[in-house]
Amino acid sequence: MKNTLPHIVLVLLLLLVNSLGYSQLFKGEIIGGINRSQVDGDFQYRFKKTGLEGGVGVVAPIYKNWSLSLETLYSQKGSKQKRMYDDSLDGSYKLRLNYVSVPFMIQYTDRDVVSAGVGFSYNRLVFVEEHKDGYKVDSVSILTKVFDLDDWQAFGDVRVRVYNNLILNARYSYSVDRIANRMMINPENGRPEERDFYNNLWTFRLIYMINEKRPERIEKRKITDND
C-alpha cells in the first residue's frame, strides 16, 4: 500500500491538471517561497535550516466557500548548526534533504480574503547530504538509504490575499512517520542513543492565482430622499 499511494496521488494531479484545460471552475497556482526547517531527533534544535520551495498547484471549488487543492513542489528541508568551537571538531552540522512534494489540502475561504486548510503531502526524497564538524559523511546518500525515500506529512495552512491575485501563505508541516532511525551521540552525556528522525518545518510562500475570477464587490450606496 505504501508504494501504491504515491501513484494514486500523481494520477489525481494529472486529472486535475487535465480538467483545468476544460473548466473555468479550476484555478491554477504559481508558488514560490522558503522553508525554515529542523529534523527532530538529531539533537539540533530550532528552525535554523533555510531552503527554497517552488512549484505549481490546482484549486477546485467543491461547495460554497470550500475547495480542494493539489500541488507539485520542489522542497529543500533539513537541519543546521553553525560552527561552535575553534578546533577540528568544531560542532558544526548540516543535513540537506531535498524532496519532490505532492500536497493535497481541503480549505475554507472567508470573504475571498482569508483561507485556512488542513491536508497531507507525499514527499519523495531526491537528494540527501550530511556534514559533521565540517566533513561530509560519505555513508549518507540516496543509495545507502539511511533516510527513507518516502515521507508522509500532515500540515496546517493559512492564506491571506495581499493584492489582487497575489496571496501570502504560511504552512506548518510534520512527518507522520519517522524518516530515519539512527544511532546518535547525546551531546549532554556523550553516550550513543537510538533516535527516530522526523521532518519539522514552517513554510512561507507567495502564491499567484491563475484563471481566477473573483466575485464582484457590490458597494452599498445610501439613497437620500429629497422629497
Protein backbone atom coordinates (compact mmCIF):
# COMPACT_ATOMS: atom_id res chain seq x y z
CA MET A 1 0.00 0.00 0.00
CA LYS A 2 2.88 2.38 0.79
CA ASN A 3 4.18 2.07 -2.77
CA THR A 4 0.69 2.41 -4.29
CA LEU A 5 -0.34 5.67 -2.59
CA PRO A 6 2.20 7.91 -4.41
CA HIS A 7 0.90 6.67 -7.75
CA ILE A 8 -2.70 7.42 -6.72
CA VAL A 9 -1.73 10.98 -5.76
CA LEU A 10 0.06 11.53 -9.07
CA VAL A 11 -2.96 10.25 -11.01
CA LEU A 12 -5.21 12.69 -9.13
CA LEU A 13 -2.85 15.53 -10.01
CA LEU A 14 -2.93 14.65 -13.70
CA LEU A 15 -6.73 14.51 -13.64
CA LEU A 16 -6.96 17.95 -12.03
CA VAL A 17 -4.47 19.49 -14.45
CA ASN A 18 -6.34 17.96 -17.39
CA SER A 19 -9.63 19.36 -16.08
CA LEU A 20 -8.08 22.83 -15.86
CA GLY A 21 -7.99 22.96 -19.64
CA TYR A 22 -11.73 22.29 -19.94
CA SER A 23 -13.32 24.06 -16.98
CA GLN A 24 -13.33 27.65 -15.82
CA LEU A 25 -14.05 26.43 -12.29
CA PHE A 26 -10.48 25.32 -11.74
CA LYS A 27 -7.80 27.79 -10.69
CA GLY A 28 -4.05 27.46 -11.13
CA GLU A 29 -1.28 28.47 -8.73
CA ILE A 30 2.32 29.54 -9.23
CA ILE A 31 4.11 29.05 -5.90
CA GLY A 32 7.43 30.26 -4.51
CA GLY A 33 8.86 30.66 -1.03
CA ILE A 34 11.21 29.40 1.69
CA ASN A 35 11.29 26.65 4.30
CA ARG A 36 12.59 27.10 7.83
CA SER A 37 13.18 23.55 8.97
CA GLN A 38 14.68 21.24 11.54
CA VAL A 39 14.86 17.46 11.92
CA ASP A 40 13.57 16.24 15.25
CA GLY A 41 15.84 13.54 16.65
CA ASP A 42 19.26 14.81 15.53
CA PHE A 43 19.94 16.91 18.67
CA GLN A 44 19.99 20.09 16.52
CA TYR A 45 17.26 22.38 17.77
CA ARG A 46 15.35 25.36 16.38
CA PHE A 47 14.41 26.04 12.77
CA LYS A 48 17.87 27.04 11.51
CA LYS A 49 17.92 25.43 8.06
CA THR A 50 16.67 27.65 5.22
CA GLY A 51 15.64 26.10 1.91
CA LEU A 52 13.72 27.02 -1.20
CA GLU A 53 10.29 25.74 -2.19
CA GLY A 54 8.57 26.26 -5.53
CA GLY A 55 6.13 24.70 -7.94
CA VAL A 56 2.58 24.79 -9.25
CA GLY A 57 -0.86 23.84 -8.00
CA VAL A 58 -4.52 23.43 -8.94
CA VAL A 59 -7.52 24.54 -6.84
CA ALA A 60 -11.01 23.07 -7.34
CA PRO A 61 -14.06 24.65 -5.64
CA ILE A 62 -16.36 21.94 -4.26
CA TYR A 63 -19.11 23.63 -2.20
CA LYS A 64 -19.72 27.31 -1.43
CA ASN A 65 -16.54 28.53 0.34
CA TRP A 66 -14.88 25.09 0.38
CA SER A 67 -12.24 23.93 -2.10
CA LEU A 68 -9.62 21.23 -2.72
CA SER A 69 -6.07 21.84 -3.88
CA LEU A 70 -3.25 19.70 -5.21
CA GLU A 71 0.34 20.88 -5.72
CA THR A 72 3.64 19.62 -7.11
CA LEU A 73 6.68 21.20 -5.45
CA TYR A 74 10.44 21.01 -5.14
CA SER A 75 11.19 21.48 -1.45
CA GLN A 76 14.54 21.81 0.37
CA LYS A 77 14.48 20.71 4.02
CA GLY A 78 16.94 19.55 6.65
CA SER A 79 18.83 20.72 9.72
CA LYS A 80 21.75 23.01 10.51
CA GLN A 81 24.13 24.03 13.29
CA LYS A 82 26.83 26.67 12.83
CA ARG A 83 30.44 26.15 13.92
CA MET A 84 30.73 26.33 17.71
CA TYR A 85 34.40 25.55 18.50
CA ASP A 86 37.79 26.59 17.10
CA ASP A 87 39.24 23.12 16.56
CA SER A 88 38.96 20.15 14.19
CA LEU A 89 35.74 19.02 15.91
CA ASP A 90 34.01 22.37 15.54
CA GLY A 91 30.49 21.17 16.38
CA SER A 92 29.03 22.23 13.04
CA TYR A 93 26.31 20.16 11.39
CA LYS A 94 24.36 20.35 8.14
CA LEU A 95 21.76 17.95 6.78
CA ARG A 96 20.24 18.60 3.35
CA LEU A 97 17.05 16.73 2.46
CA ASN A 98 15.53 17.71 -0.89
CA TYR A 99 12.14 16.37 -1.91
CA VAL A 100 9.61 16.39 -4.70
CA SER A 101 6.38 17.01 -2.78
CA VAL A 102 2.71 16.49 -3.66
CA PRO A 103 0.48 18.20 -1.05
CA PHE A 104 -3.31 17.65 -1.02
CA MET A 105 -5.49 20.04 1.01
CA ILE A 106 -9.08 20.98 1.85
CA GLN A 107 -9.57 24.65 2.70
CA TYR A 108 -12.22 27.18 3.67
CA THR A 109 -12.11 30.75 2.34
CA ASP A 110 -13.80 33.63 4.17
CA ARG A 111 -14.90 36.69 2.15
CA ASP A 112 -12.43 35.86 -0.62
CA VAL A 113 -9.60 37.20 1.58
CA VAL A 114 -8.56 34.73 4.30
CA SER A 115 -8.28 30.93 3.91
CA ALA A 116 -7.48 28.13 6.33
CA GLY A 117 -6.91 24.49 5.48
CA VAL A 118 -5.50 21.13 6.51
CA GLY A 119 -4.01 18.35 4.45
CA PHE A 120 -1.31 15.79 3.88
CA SER A 121 1.61 15.58 1.48
CA TYR A 122 3.61 12.80 -0.10
CA ASN A 123 7.32 13.62 -0.31
CA ARG A 124 9.87 11.70 -2.38
CA LEU A 125 13.49 12.15 -1.37
CA VAL A 126 15.66 13.06 -4.37
CA PHE A 127 18.84 14.32 -2.69
CA VAL A 128 20.46 13.88 0.74
CA GLU A 129 23.79 15.09 2.09
CA GLU A 130 25.18 15.28 5.63
CA HIS A 131 28.16 17.16 7.05
CA LYS A 132 29.55 16.83 10.59
CA ASP A 133 32.34 19.02 12.01
CA GLY A 134 32.91 20.41 8.52
CA TYR A 135 33.35 16.99 6.86
CA LYS A 136 31.00 15.19 4.53
CA VAL A 137 29.54 11.92 5.83
CA ASP A 138 30.09 9.53 2.91
CA SER A 139 27.81 6.83 4.35
CA VAL A 140 24.74 9.06 3.93
CA SER A 141 23.34 9.19 0.39
CA ILE A 142 20.31 8.23 -1.67
CA LEU A 143 21.93 4.88 -2.47
CA THR A 144 22.68 3.91 1.15
CA LYS A 145 19.05 4.61 2.14
CA VAL A 146 19.91 5.85 5.62
CA PHE A 147 16.88 8.11 5.16
CA ASP A 148 13.59 6.70 3.89
CA LEU A 149 12.81 7.70 0.33
CA ASP A 150 9.12 8.26 1.19
CA ASP A 151 7.89 10.79 3.74
CA TRP A 152 4.23 11.48 4.52
CA GLN A 153 3.50 14.75 6.29
CA ALA A 154 0.40 16.35 7.81
CA PHE A 155 0.09 20.14 7.65
CA GLY A 156 -1.98 23.20 8.51
CA ASP A 157 -2.21 26.15 6.13
CA VAL A 158 -3.26 29.83 6.39
CA ARG A 159 -3.54 32.23 3.45
CA VAL A 160 -4.20 35.97 3.18
CA ARG A 161 -4.85 37.85 -0.06
CA VAL A 162 -2.48 40.83 -0.17
CA TYR A 163 -3.19 42.27 -3.63
CA ASN A 164 -5.48 41.12 -6.43
CA ASN A 165 -4.29 37.60 -7.40
CA LEU A 166 -1.31 37.60 -5.01
CA ILE A 167 -1.63 35.56 -1.80
CA LEU A 168 0.65 35.32 1.24
CA ASN A 169 0.80 31.81 2.70
CA ALA A 170 2.14 30.22 5.91
CA ARG A 171 2.19 26.42 6.38
CA TYR A 172 3.35 24.16 9.22
CA SER A 173 4.24 20.54 8.39
CA TYR A 174 5.34 17.49 10.39
CA SER A 175 6.23 13.93 9.38
CA VAL A 176 3.54 11.36 10.18
CA ASP A 177 6.12 8.56 10.39
CA ARG A 178 9.86 8.60 11.03
CA ILE A 179 12.18 9.32 8.11
CA ALA A 180 15.17 7.56 9.69
CA ASN A 181 16.30 5.60 12.72
CA ARG A 182 19.93 6.23 13.69
CA MET A 183 22.46 5.90 16.47
CA MET A 184 23.44 9.39 17.61
CA ILE A 185 25.81 10.66 20.29
CA ASN A 186 23.93 12.52 23.01
CA PRO A 187 25.88 15.82 23.46
CA GLU A 188 24.86 16.04 27.13
CA ASN A 189 26.42 12.74 28.27
CA GLY A 190 28.49 11.56 25.27
CA ARG A 191 26.64 8.26 25.05
CA PRO A 192 25.22 6.65 21.89
CA GLU A 193 21.45 6.76 21.66
CA GLU A 194 18.98 5.33 19.15
CA ARG A 195 16.86 8.15 17.72
CA ASP A 196 13.90 8.45 15.33
CA PHE A 197 14.07 11.37 12.87
CA TYR A 198 11.10 13.49 11.75
CA ASN A 199 10.87 16.45 9.37
CA ASN A 200 9.54 19.55 11.15
CA LEU A 201 9.17 22.84 9.27
CA TRP A 202 7.49 26.16 8.64
CA THR A 203 6.98 27.31 5.04
CA PHE A 204 6.36 30.91 3.95
CA ARG A 205 5.25 31.38 0.34
CA LEU A 206 3.79 33.77 -2.20
CA ILE A 207 1.11 32.33 -4.47
CA TYR A 208 -0.07 33.87 -7.72
CA MET A 209 -3.53 32.70 -8.77
CA ILE A 210 -4.25 31.94 -12.44
CA ASN A 211 -7.68 31.61 -14.06
CA GLU A 212 -9.29 33.17 -11.02
CA LYS A 213 -12.49 35.17 -11.31
CA ARG A 214 -13.08 36.99 -8.07
CA PRO A 215 -16.69 37.86 -7.20
CA GLU A 216 -17.65 41.44 -7.91
CA ARG A 217 -17.91 43.57 -4.82
CA ILE A 218 -21.24 45.34 -4.52
CA GLU A 219 -20.98 48.69 -2.83
CA LYS A 220 -23.98 49.73 -0.80
CA ARG A 221 -24.96 53.29 -1.57
CA LYS A 222 -27.07 55.36 0.73
CA ILE A 223 -30.08 56.80 -1.07
CA THR A 224 -31.22 60.20 0.09
CA ASP A 225 -34.83 61.14 -0.43
CA ASN A 226 -35.12 64.85 -1.08
CA ASP A 227 -38.89 64.83 -1.19
